[in-house]
Amino acid sequence: MNIEGIKLGKQTYRIRNHDALNIVVERLVEIDPTKSPAFDPDKHDGAIRYEYREPKYHSSVESALASLIGRAAGDSNARTLSELLGEIKQFKREIRRLMSVEGI
């Protein structure tokens, strides 16, 4: 299993099998090498790239999906509990929609 491009809120995630016992949720991050203190334009390419990072390991798909919702909620700009709850409900609807598209 390798499901990429799961857009929830401002972030993009993927869920993948790490091995027979672990499912991993990762966040897509932008890498700008020019911001590194070790960057040398004569030696390094300054092109921006994207990588999945910040792995969180889970023993089940259900746990991975719950983690995905929690991570997306953690990136929220909600100012009230009501706004946060609305966003969490929207994330759950989006995951259900994606699961129906994927045939799960």
PDB file of N, CA and C in Angstrom:
ATOM      1  N   MET A   1       0.855  -1.169   0.000  1.00  0.00           N
ATOM      2  CA  MET A   1       0.000   0.000   0.000  1.00  0.00           C
ATOM      3  C   MET A   1       0.900   1.231   0.000  1.00  0.00           C
ATOM      4  N   ASN A   2       0.597   2.172  -0.881  1.00  0.00           N
ATOM      5  CA  ASN A   2       1.289   3.446  -0.925  1.00  0.00           C
ATOM      6  C   ASN A   2       0.298   4.463  -1.474  1.00  0.00           C
ATOM      7  N   ILE A   3      -0.339   5.218  -0.573  1.00  0.00           N
ATOM      8  CA  ILE A   3      -1.351   6.189  -0.969  1.00  0.00           C
ATOM      9  C   ILE A   3      -0.758   7.573  -0.762  1.00  0.00           C
ATOM     10  N   GLU A   4      -0.455   8.245  -1.865  1.00  0.00           N
ATOM     11  CA  GLU A   4       0.169   9.564  -1.801  1.00  0.00           C
ATOM     12  C   GLU A   4      -0.838  10.648  -2.133  1.00  0.00           C
ATOM     13  N   GLY A   5      -0.491  11.863  -1.757  1.00  0.00           N
ATOM     14  CA  GLY A   5      -1.289  13.023  -2.145  1.00  0.00           C
ATOM     15  C   GLY A   5      -2.581  13.172  -1.385  1.00  0.00           C
ATOM     16  N   ILE A   6      -2.611  12.773  -0.115  1.00  0.00           N
ATOM     17  CA  ILE A   6      -3.814  12.948   0.698  1.00  0.00           C
ATOM     18  C   ILE A   6      -3.778  14.377   1.237  1.00  0.00           C
ATOM     19  N   LYS A   7      -4.618  15.242   0.702  1.00  0.00           N
ATOM     20  CA  LYS A   7      -4.632  16.653   1.074  1.00  0.00           C
ATOM     21  C   LYS A   7      -5.654  16.874   2.168  1.00  0.00           C
ATOM     22  N   LEU A   8      -5.178  17.255   3.350  1.00  0.00           N
ATOM     23  CA  LEU A   8      -6.059  17.587   4.468  1.00  0.00           C
ATOM     24  C   LEU A   8      -5.615  18.931   5.025  1.00  0.00           C
ATOM     25  N   GLY A   9      -6.502  19.904   4.993  1.00  0.00           N
ATOM     26  CA  GLY A   9      -6.130  21.237   5.450  1.00  0.00           C
ATOM     27  C   GLY A   9      -5.046  21.808   4.554  1.00  0.00           C
ATOM     28  N   LYS A  10      -3.982  22.333   5.182  1.00  0.00           N
ATOM     29  CA  LYS A  10      -2.893  22.962   4.428  1.00  0.00           C
ATOM     30  C   LYS A  10      -1.819  21.982   4.013  1.00  0.00           C
ATOM     31  N   GLN A  11      -1.876  20.770   4.515  1.00  0.00           N
ATOM     32  CA  GLN A  11      -0.790  19.812   4.325  1.00  0.00           C
ATOM     33  C   GLN A  11      -1.188  18.658   3.405  1.00  0.00           C
ATOM     34  N   THR A  12      -0.153  18.007   2.880  1.00  0.00           N
ATOM     35  CA  THR A  12      -0.336  16.817   2.061  1.00  0.00           C
ATOM     36  C   THR A  12       0.394  15.665   2.745  1.00  0.00           C
ATOM     37  N   TYR A  13      -0.232  14.500   2.776  1.00  0.00           N
ATOM     38  CA  TYR A  13       0.304  13.343   3.481  1.00  0.00           C
ATOM     39  C   TYR A  13       0.314  12.127   2.567  1.00  0.00           C
ATOM     40  N   ARG A  14       0.964  11.084   3.052  1.00  0.00           N
ATOM     41  CA  ARG A  14       0.857   9.773   2.407  1.00  0.00           C
ATOM     42  C   ARG A  14       0.816   8.715   3.496  1.00  0.00           C
ATOM     43  N   ILE A  15       0.205   7.600   3.137  1.00  0.00           N
ATOM     44  CA  ILE A  15       0.166   6.420   4.008  1.00  0.00           C
ATOM     45  C   ILE A  15       0.812   5.291   3.220  1.00  0.00           C
ATOM     46  N   ARG A  16       1.744   4.585   3.851  1.00  0.00           N
ATOM     47  CA  ARG A  16       2.412   3.483   3.147  1.00  0.00           C
ATOM     48  C   ARG A  16       2.757   2.374   4.126  1.00  0.00           C
ATOM     49  N   ASN A  17       2.920   1.171   3.575  1.00  0.00           N
ATOM     50  CA  ASN A  17       3.415   0.041   4.360  1.00  0.00           C
ATOM     51  C   ASN A  17       4.906   0.219   4.547  1.00  0.00           C
ATOM     52  N   HIS A  18       5.360   0.132   5.777  1.00  0.00           N
ATOM     53  CA  HIS A  18       6.797   0.183   6.038  1.00  0.00           C
ATOM     54  C   HIS A  18       7.373  -1.226   5.998  1.00  0.00           C
ATOM     55  N   ASP A  19       6.661  -2.125   6.642  1.00  0.00           N
ATOM     56  CA  ASP A  19       7.012  -3.546   6.642  1.00  0.00           C
ATOM     57  C   ASP A  19       5.738  -4.305   6.989  1.00  0.00           C
ATOM     58  N   ALA A  20       5.870  -5.569   7.291  1.00  0.00           N
ATOM     59  CA  ALA A  20       4.685  -6.391   7.554  1.00  0.00           C
ATOM     60  C   ALA A  20       3.920  -5.952   8.803  1.00  0.00           C
ATOM     61  N   LEU A  21       4.565  -5.231   9.711  1.00  0.00           N
ATOM     62  CA  LEU A  21       3.931  -4.869  10.979  1.00  0.00           C
ATOM     63  C   LEU A  21       3.623  -3.388  11.142  1.00  0.00           C
ATOM     64  N   ASN A  22       4.096  -2.545  10.251  1.00  0.00           N
ATOM     65  CA  ASN A  22       3.953  -1.103  10.440  1.00  0.00           C
ATOM     66  C   ASN A  22       3.389  -0.389   9.221  1.00  0.00           C
ATOM     67  N   ILE A  23       2.503   0.554   9.508  1.00  0.00           N
ATOM     68  CA  ILE A  23       1.965   1.455   8.502  1.00  0.00           C
ATOM     69  C   ILE A  23       2.447   2.844   8.889  1.00  0.00           C
ATOM     70  N   VAL A  24       2.927   3.596   7.910  1.00  0.00           N
ATOM     71  CA  VAL A  24       3.547   4.887   8.189  1.00  0.00           C
ATOM     72  C   VAL A  24       2.724   6.016   7.586  1.00  0.00           C
ATOM     73  N   VAL A  25       2.548   7.082   8.372  1.00  0.00           N
ATOM     74  CA  VAL A  25       1.944   8.319   7.894  1.00  0.00           C
ATOM     75  C   VAL A  25       3.068   9.344   7.818  1.00  0.00           C
ATOM     76  N   GLU A  26       3.231   9.978   6.648  1.00  0.00           N
ATOM     77  CA  GLU A  26       4.282  10.978   6.468  1.00  0.00           C
ATOM     78  C   GLU A  26       3.694  12.251   5.864  1.00  0.00           C
ATOM     79  N   ARG A  27       4.354  13.369   6.159  1.00  0.00           N
ATOM     80  CA  ARG A  27       3.926  14.680   5.665  1.00  0.00           C
ATOM     81  C   ARG A  27       4.864  15.130   4.553  1.00  0.00           C
ATOM     82  N   LEU A  28       4.295  15.716   3.487  1.00  0.00           N
ATOM     83  CA  LEU A  28       5.085  16.247   2.385  1.00  0.00           C
ATOM     84  C   LEU A  28       5.633  17.610   2.787  1.00  0.00           C
ATOM     85  N   VAL A  29       6.957  17.777   2.694  1.00  0.00           N
ATOM     86  CA  VAL A  29       7.585  19.045   3.053  1.00  0.00           C
ATOM     87  C   VAL A  29       8.380  19.590   1.869  1.00  0.00           C
ATOM     88  N   GLU A  30       8.459  20.899   1.813  1.00  0.00           N
ATOM     89  CA  GLU A  30       9.243  21.578   0.787  1.00  0.00           C
ATOM     90  C   GLU A  30      10.666  21.751   1.304  1.00  0.00           C
ATOM     91  N   ILE A  31      11.642  21.381   0.487  1.00  0.00           N
ATOM     92  CA  ILE A  31      13.045  21.493   0.850  1.00  0.00           C
ATOM     93  C   ILE A  31      13.670  22.574  -0.026  1.00  0.00           C
ATOM     94  N   ASP A  32      14.127  23.637   0.610  1.00  0.00           N
ATOM     95  CA  ASP A  32      14.822  24.711  -0.097  1.00  0.00           C
ATOM     96  C   ASP A  32      16.285  24.663   0.321  1.00  0.00           C
ATOM     97  N   PRO A  33      17.157  24.065  -0.494  1.00  0.00           N
ATOM     98  CA  PRO A  33      18.552  23.892  -0.102  1.00  0.00           C
ATOM     99  C   PRO A  33      19.291  25.205   0.122  1.00  0.00           C
ATOM    100  N   THR A  34      18.794  26.299  -0.459  1.00  0.00           N
ATOM    101  CA  THR A  34      19.485  27.583  -0.295  1.00  0.00           C
ATOM    102  C   THR A  34      19.374  28.118   1.129  1.00  0.00           C
ATOM    103  N   LYS A  35      18.455  27.581   1.940  1.00  0.00           N
ATOM    104  CA  LYS A  35      18.300  28.017   3.326  1.00  0.00           C
ATOM    105  C   LYS A  35      19.234  27.281   4.283  1.00  0.00           C
ATOM    106  N   SER A  36      19.915  26.279   3.795  1.00  0.00           N
ATOM    107  CA  SER A  36      20.846  25.526   4.623  1.00  0.00           C
ATOM    108  C   SER A  36      22.130  26.330   4.827  1.00  0.00           C
ATOM    109  N   PRO A  37      22.672  26.324   6.055  1.00  0.00           N
ATOM    110  CA  PRO A  37      23.941  27.024   6.277  1.00  0.00           C
ATOM    111  C   PRO A  37      25.095  26.397   5.492  1.00  0.00           C
ATOM    112  N   ALA A  38      24.952  25.151   5.101  1.00  0.00           N
ATOM    113  CA  ALA A  38      26.007  24.462   4.346  1.00  0.00           C
ATOM    114  C   ALA A  38      25.878  24.662   2.835  1.00  0.00           C
ATOM    115  N   PHE A  39      24.856  25.411   2.401  1.00  0.00           N
ATOM    116  CA  PHE A  39      24.633  25.585   0.962  1.00  0.00           C
ATOM    117  C   PHE A  39      25.752  26.404   0.333  1.00  0.00           C
ATOM    118  N   ASP A  40      26.302  25.884  -0.741  1.00  0.00           N
ATOM    119  CA  ASP A  40      27.323  26.573  -1.536  1.00  0.00           C
ATOM    120  C   ASP A  40      26.847  26.536  -2.984  1.00  0.00           C
ATOM    121  N   PRO A  41      26.494  27.688  -3.565  1.00  0.00           N
ATOM    122  CA  PRO A  41      25.948  27.683  -4.927  1.00  0.00           C
ATOM    123  C   PRO A  41      26.901  27.111  -5.975  1.00  0.00           C
ATOM    124  N   ASP A  42      28.196  27.104  -5.680  1.00  0.00           N
ATOM    125  CA  ASP A  42      29.156  26.538  -6.632  1.00  0.00           C
ATOM    126  C   ASP A  42      29.170  25.016  -6.593  1.00  0.00           C
ATOM    127  N   LYS A  43      28.724  24.442  -5.469  1.00  0.00           N
ATOM    128  CA  LYS A  43      28.780  22.991  -5.297  1.00  0.00           C
ATOM    129  C   LYS A  43      27.415  22.313  -5.309  1.00  0.00           C
ATOM    130  N   HIS A  44      26.353  23.062  -4.980  1.00  0.00           N
ATOM    131  CA  HIS A  44      25.038  22.451  -4.786  1.00  0.00           C
ATOM    132  C   HIS A  44      24.001  23.027  -5.738  1.00  0.00           C
ATOM    133  N   ASP A  45      23.035  22.192  -6.049  1.00  0.00           N
ATOM    134  CA  ASP A  45      21.887  22.620  -6.840  1.00  0.00           C
ATOM    135  C   ASP A  45      20.904  23.315  -5.899  1.00  0.00           C
ATOM    136  N   GLY A  46      20.428  24.483  -6.267  1.00  0.00           N
ATOM    137  CA  GLY A  46      19.509  25.232  -5.424  1.00  0.00           C
ATOM    138  C   GLY A  46      18.047  24.979  -5.718  1.00  0.00           C
ATOM    139  N   ALA A  47      17.747  23.961  -6.497  1.00  0.00           N
ATOM    140  CA  ALA A  47      16.355  23.677  -6.876  1.00  0.00           C
ATOM    141  C   ALA A  47      15.545  23.195  -5.672  1.00  0.00           C
ATOM    142  N   ILE A  48      14.357  23.731  -5.558  1.00  0.00           N
ATOM    143  CA  ILE A  48      13.440  23.302  -4.496  1.00  0.00           C
ATOM    144  C   ILE A  48      12.924  21.918  -4.844  1.00  0.00           C
ATOM    145  N   ARG A  49      12.849  21.058  -3.830  1.00  0.00           N
ATOM    146  CA  ARG A  49      12.319  19.711  -4.030  1.00  0.00           C
ATOM    147  C   ARG A  49      11.329  19.401  -2.909  1.00  0.00           C
ATOM    148  N   TYR A  50      10.592  18.328  -3.087  1.00  0.00           N
ATOM    149  CA  TYR A  50       9.594  17.916  -2.106  1.00  0.00           C
ATOM    150  C   TYR A  50       9.882  16.492  -1.672  1.00  0.00           C
ATOM    151  N   GLU A  51       9.774  16.261  -0.362  1.00  0.00           N
ATOM    152  CA  GLU A  51      10.013  14.933   0.198  1.00  0.00           C
ATOM    153  C   GLU A  51       8.981  14.656   1.291  1.00  0.00           C
ATOM    154  N   TYR A  52       8.644  13.374   1.431  1.00  0.00           N
ATOM    155  CA  TYR A  52       7.805  12.971   2.547  1.00  0.00           C
ATOM    156  C   TYR A  52       8.708  12.741   3.755  1.00  0.00           C
ATOM    157  N   ARG A  53       8.353  13.373   4.879  1.00  0.00           N
ATOM    158  CA  ARG A  53       9.148  13.273   6.103  1.00  0.00           C
ATOM    159  C   ARG A  53       8.245  13.167   7.321  1.00  0.00           C
ATOM    160  N   GLU A  54       8.862  13.177   8.482  1.00  0.00           N
ATOM    161  CA  GLU A  54       8.168  13.107   9.767  1.00  0.00           C
ATOM    162  C   GLU A  54       7.318  11.845   9.877  1.00  0.00           C
ATOM    163  N   PRO A  55       7.933  10.675   9.747  1.00  0.00           N
ATOM    164  CA  PRO A  55       7.146   9.433   9.798  1.00  0.00           C
ATOM    165  C   PRO A  55       6.561   9.168  11.185  1.00  0.00           C
ATOM    166  N   LYS A  56       5.343   8.692  11.193  1.00  0.00           N
ATOM    167  CA  LYS A  56       4.663   8.220  12.405  1.00  0.00           C
ATOM    168  C   LYS A  56       4.229   6.791  12.112  1.00  0.00           C
ATOM    169  N   TYR A  57       4.665   5.866  12.955  1.00  0.00           N
ATOM    170  CA  TYR A  57       4.431   4.436  12.721  1.00  0.00           C
ATOM    171  C   TYR A  57       3.187   3.966  13.464  1.00  0.00           C
ATOM    172  N   HIS A  58       2.419   3.096  12.794  1.00  0.00           N
ATOM    173  CA  HIS A  58       1.172   2.567  13.357  1.00  0.00           C
ATOM    174  C   HIS A  58       1.054   1.084  13.037  1.00  0.00           C
ATOM    175  N   SER A  59       0.309   0.391  13.887  1.00  0.00           N
ATOM    176  CA  SER A  59       0.151  -1.049  13.696  1.00  0.00           C
ATOM    177  C   SER A  59      -1.100  -1.404  12.885  1.00  0.00           C
ATOM    178  N   SER A  60      -1.960  -0.408  12.612  1.00  0.00           N
ATOM    179  CA  SER A  60      -3.174  -0.694  11.834  1.00  0.00           C
ATOM    180  C   SER A  60      -3.532   0.511  10.965  1.00  0.00           C
ATOM    181  N   VAL A  61      -4.307   0.252   9.939  1.00  0.00           N
ATOM    182  CA  VAL A  61      -4.770   1.326   9.067  1.00  0.00           C
ATOM    183  C   VAL A  61      -5.663   2.278   9.849  1.00  0.00           C
ATOM    184  N   GLU A  62      -6.495   1.745  10.729  1.00  0.00           N
ATOM    185  CA  GLU A  62      -7.394   2.583  11.527  1.00  0.00           C
ATOM    186  C   GLU A  62      -6.599   3.566  12.372  1.00  0.00           C
ATOM    187  N   SER A  63      -5.534   3.091  12.987  1.00  0.00           N
ATOM    188  CA  SER A  63      -4.676   3.953  13.802  1.00  0.00           C
ATOM    189  C   SER A  63      -3.993   5.005  12.932  1.00  0.00           C
ATOM    190  N   ALA A  64      -3.554   4.616  11.745  1.00  0.00           N
ATOM    191  CA  ALA A  64      -2.901   5.551  10.820  1.00  0.00           C
ATOM    192  C   ALA A  64      -3.877   6.649  10.392  1.00  0.00           C
ATOM    193  N   LEU A  65      -5.132   6.285  10.118  1.00  0.00           N
ATOM    194  CA  LEU A  65      -6.126   7.283   9.716  1.00  0.00           C
ATOM    195  C   LEU A  65      -6.439   8.240  10.864  1.00  0.00           C
ATOM    196  N   ALA A  66      -6.527   7.719  12.077  1.00  0.00           N
ATOM    197  CA  ALA A  66      -6.763   8.577  13.240  1.00  0.00           C
ATOM    198  C   ALA A  66      -5.590   9.546  13.422  1.00  0.00           C
ATOM    199  N   SER A  67      -4.381   9.055  13.221  1.00  0.00           N
ATOM    200  CA  SER A  67      -3.191   9.897  13.318  1.00  0.00           C
ATOM    201  C   SER A  67      -3.210  10.988  12.255  1.00  0.00           C
ATOM    202  N   LEU A  68      -3.628  10.617  11.063  1.00  0.00           N
ATOM    203  CA  LEU A  68      -3.710  11.570   9.962  1.00  0.00           C
ATOM    204  C   LEU A  68      -4.649  12.722  10.324  1.00  0.00           C
ATOM    205  N   ILE A  69      -5.785  12.411  10.889  1.00  0.00           N
ATOM    206  CA  ILE A  69      -6.745  13.439  11.301  1.00  0.00           C
ATOM    207  C   ILE A  69      -6.144  14.292  12.416  1.00  0.00           C
ATOM    208  N   GLY A  70      -5.469  13.652  13.370  1.00  0.00           N
ATOM    209  CA  GLY A  70      -4.842  14.394  14.463  1.00  0.00           C
ATOM    210  C   GLY A  70      -3.754  15.332  13.979  1.00  0.00           C
ATOM    211  N   ARG A  71      -2.950  14.870  13.040  1.00  0.00           N
ATOM    212  CA  ARG A  71      -1.878  15.724  12.507  1.00  0.00           C
ATOM    213  C   ARG A  71      -2.456  16.900  11.736  1.00  0.00           C
ATOM    214  N   ALA A  72      -3.486  16.641  10.942  1.00  0.00           N
ATOM    215  CA  ALA A  72      -4.113  17.723  10.182  1.00  0.00           C
ATOM    216  C   ALA A  72      -4.754  18.733  11.129  1.00  0.00           C
ATOM    217  N   ALA A  73      -5.389  18.257  12.185  1.00  0.00           N
ATOM    218  CA  ALA A  73      -6.001  19.154  13.164  1.00  0.00           C
ATOM    219  C   ALA A  73      -4.925  19.963  13.891  1.00  0.00           C
ATOM    220  N   GLY A  74      -3.769  19.366  14.112  1.00  0.00           N
ATOM    221  CA  GLY A  74      -2.675  20.070  14.772  1.00  0.00           C
ATOM    222  C   GLY A  74      -2.131  21.227  13.955  1.00  0.00           C
ATOM    223  N   ASP A  75      -2.322  21.187  12.647  1.00  0.00           N
ATOM    224  CA  ASP A  75      -1.874  22.272  11.765  1.00  0.00           C
ATOM    225  C   ASP A  75      -2.954  23.334  11.561  1.00  0.00           C
ATOM    226  N   SER A  76      -4.064  23.183  12.246  1.00  0.00           N
ATOM    227  CA  SER A  76      -5.205  24.072  12.068  1.00  0.00           C
ATOM    228  C   SER A  76      -4.917  25.489  12.580  1.00  0.00           C
ATOM    229  N   ASN A  77      -5.562  26.447  11.957  1.00  0.00           N
ATOM    230  CA  ASN A  77      -5.527  27.837  12.429  1.00  0.00           C
ATOM    231  C   ASN A  77      -6.819  28.196  13.152  1.00  0.00           C
ATOM    232  N   ALA A  78      -7.575  27.201  13.569  1.00  0.00           N
ATOM    233  CA  ALA A  78      -8.855  27.439  14.237  1.00  0.00           C
ATOM    234  C   ALA A  78      -8.646  28.288  15.488  1.00  0.00           C
ATOM    235  N   ARG A  79      -9.589  29.173  15.741  1.00  0.00           N
ATOM    236  CA  ARG A  79      -9.502  30.057  16.911  1.00  0.00           C
ATOM    237  C   ARG A  79     -10.477  29.659  18.004  1.00  0.00           C
ATOM    238  N   THR A  80     -11.415  28.785  17.659  1.00  0.00           N
ATOM    239  CA  THR A  80     -12.371  28.329  18.663  1.00  0.00           C
ATOM    240  C   THR A  80     -12.496  26.813  18.571  1.00  0.00           C
ATOM    241  N   LEU A  81     -12.999  26.224  19.624  1.00  0.00           N
ATOM    242  CA  LEU A  81     -13.223  24.782  19.641  1.00  0.00           C
ATOM    243  C   LEU A  81     -14.222  24.394  18.560  1.00  0.00           C
ATOM    244  N   SER A  82     -15.206  25.235  18.350  1.00  0.00           N
ATOM    245  CA  SER A  82     -16.221  24.975  17.324  1.00  0.00           C
ATOM    246  C   SER A  82     -15.589  24.927  15.926  1.00  0.00           C
ATOM    247  N   GLU A  83     -14.678  25.856  15.638  1.00  0.00           N
ATOM    248  CA  GLU A  83     -13.991  25.851  14.339  1.00  0.00           C
ATOM    249  C   GLU A  83     -13.145  24.591  14.181  1.00  0.00           C
ATOM    250  N   LEU A  84     -12.431  24.218  15.230  1.00  0.00           N
ATOM    251  CA  LEU A  84     -11.592  23.022  15.182  1.00  0.00           C
ATOM    252  C   LEU A  84     -12.440  21.780  14.949  1.00  0.00           C
ATOM    253  N   LEU A  85     -13.548  21.665  15.656  1.00  0.00           N
ATOM    254  CA  LEU A  85     -14.444  20.523  15.482  1.00  0.00           C
ATOM    255  C   LEU A  85     -14.970  20.471  14.055  1.00  0.00           C
ATOM    256  N   GLY A  86     -15.311  21.624  13.479  1.00  0.00           N
ATOM    257  CA  GLY A  86     -15.773  21.672  12.088  1.00  0.00           C
ATOM    258  C   GLY A  86     -14.702  21.184  11.130  1.00  0.00           C
ATOM    259  N   GLU A  87     -13.447  21.580  11.374  1.00  0.00           N
ATOM    260  CA  GLU A  87     -12.354  21.132  10.512  1.00  0.00           C
ATOM    261  C   GLU A  87     -12.137  19.625  10.645  1.00  0.00           C
ATOM    262  N   ILE A  88     -12.189  19.109  11.859  1.00  0.00           N
ATOM    263  CA  ILE A  88     -12.016  17.666  12.064  1.00  0.00           C
ATOM    264  C   ILE A  88     -13.110  16.890  11.335  1.00  0.00           C
ATOM    265  N   LYS A  89     -14.334  17.373  11.413  1.00  0.00           N
ATOM    266  CA  LYS A  89     -15.437  16.720  10.689  1.00  0.00           C
ATOM    267  C   LYS A  89     -15.185  16.750   9.186  1.00  0.00           C
ATOM    268  N   GLN A  90     -14.663  17.878   8.690  1.00  0.00           N
ATOM    269  CA  GLN A  90     -14.348  17.986   7.260  1.00  0.00           C
ATOM    270  C   GLN A  90     -13.243  17.013   6.876  1.00  0.00           C
ATOM    271  N   PHE A  91     -12.216  16.863   7.717  1.00  0.00           N
ATOM    272  CA  PHE A  91     -11.135  15.908   7.446  1.00  0.00           C
ATOM    273  C   PHE A  91     -11.688  14.489   7.373  1.00  0.00           C
ATOM    274  N   LYS A  92     -12.585  14.146   8.286  1.00  0.00           N
ATOM    275  CA  LYS A  92     -13.186  12.806   8.285  1.00  0.00           C
ATOM    276  C   LYS A  92     -14.009  12.577   7.023  1.00  0.00           C
ATOM    277  N   ARG A  93     -14.759  13.607   6.601  1.00  0.00           N
ATOM    278  CA  ARG A  93     -15.539  13.481   5.354  1.00  0.00           C
ATOM    279  C   ARG A  93     -14.606  13.272   4.166  1.00  0.00           C
ATOM    280  N   GLU A  94     -13.490  14.002   4.146  1.00  0.00           N
ATOM    281  CA  GLU A  94     -12.547  13.875   3.037  1.00  0.00           C
ATOM    282  C   GLU A  94     -11.927  12.480   3.009  1.00  0.00           C
ATOM    283  N   ILE A  95     -11.579  11.936   4.162  1.00  0.00           N
ATOM    284  CA  ILE A  95     -11.017  10.576   4.209  1.00  0.00           C
ATOM    285  C   ILE A  95     -12.053   9.562   3.738  1.00  0.00           C
ATOM    286  N   ARG A  96     -13.302   9.697   4.162  1.00  0.00           N
ATOM    287  CA  ARG A  96     -14.358   8.787   3.693  1.00  0.00           C
ATOM    288  C   ARG A  96     -14.523   8.894   2.180  1.00  0.00           C
ATOM    289  N   ARG A  97     -14.472  10.127   1.645  1.00  0.00           N
ATOM    290  CA  ARG A  97     -14.590  10.330   0.203  1.00  0.00           C
ATOM    291  C   ARG A  97     -13.427   9.645  -0.525  1.00  0.00           C
ATOM    292  N   LEU A  98     -12.212   9.841  -0.028  1.00  0.00           N
ATOM    293  CA  LEU A  98     -11.049   9.219  -0.649  1.00  0.00           C
ATOM    294  C   LEU A  98     -11.128   7.697  -0.588  1.00  0.00           C
ATOM    295  N   MET A  99     -11.636   7.171   0.526  1.00  0.00           N
ATOM    296  CA  MET A  99     -11.763   5.714   0.655  1.00  0.00           C
ATOM    297  C   MET A  99     -12.789   5.187  -0.339  1.00  0.00           C
ATOM    298  N   SER A 100     -13.849   5.920  -0.592  1.00  0.00           N
ATOM    299  CA  SER A 100     -14.844   5.444  -1.557  1.00  0.00           C
ATOM    300  C   SER A 100     -14.300   5.524  -2.978  1.00  0.00           C
ATOM    301  N   VAL A 101     -13.484   6.529  -3.269  1.00  0.00           N
ATOM    302  CA  VAL A 101     -12.855   6.637  -4.587  1.00  0.00           C
ATOM    303  C   VAL A 101     -11.873   5.503  -4.799  1.00  0.00           C
ATOM    304  N   GLU A 102     -11.127   5.153  -3.751  1.00  0.00           N
ATOM    305  CA  GLU A 102     -10.138   4.092  -3.832  1.00  0.00           C
ATOM    306  C   GLU A 102     -10.778   2.704  -3.802  1.00  0.00           C
ATOM    307  N   GLY A 103     -12.075   2.645  -3.477  1.00  0.00           N
ATOM    308  CA  GLY A 103     -12.761   1.365  -3.434  1.00  0.00           C
ATOM    309  C   GLY A 103     -12.541   0.605  -2.150  1.00  0.00           C
ATOM    310  N   ILE A 104     -12.224   1.329  -1.085  1.00  0.00           N
ATOM    311  CA  ILE A 104     -11.977   0.672   0.221  1.00  0.00           C
ATOM    312  C   ILE A 104     -13.282   0.560   0.977  1.00  0.00           C
TER     313      ILE A 104
END
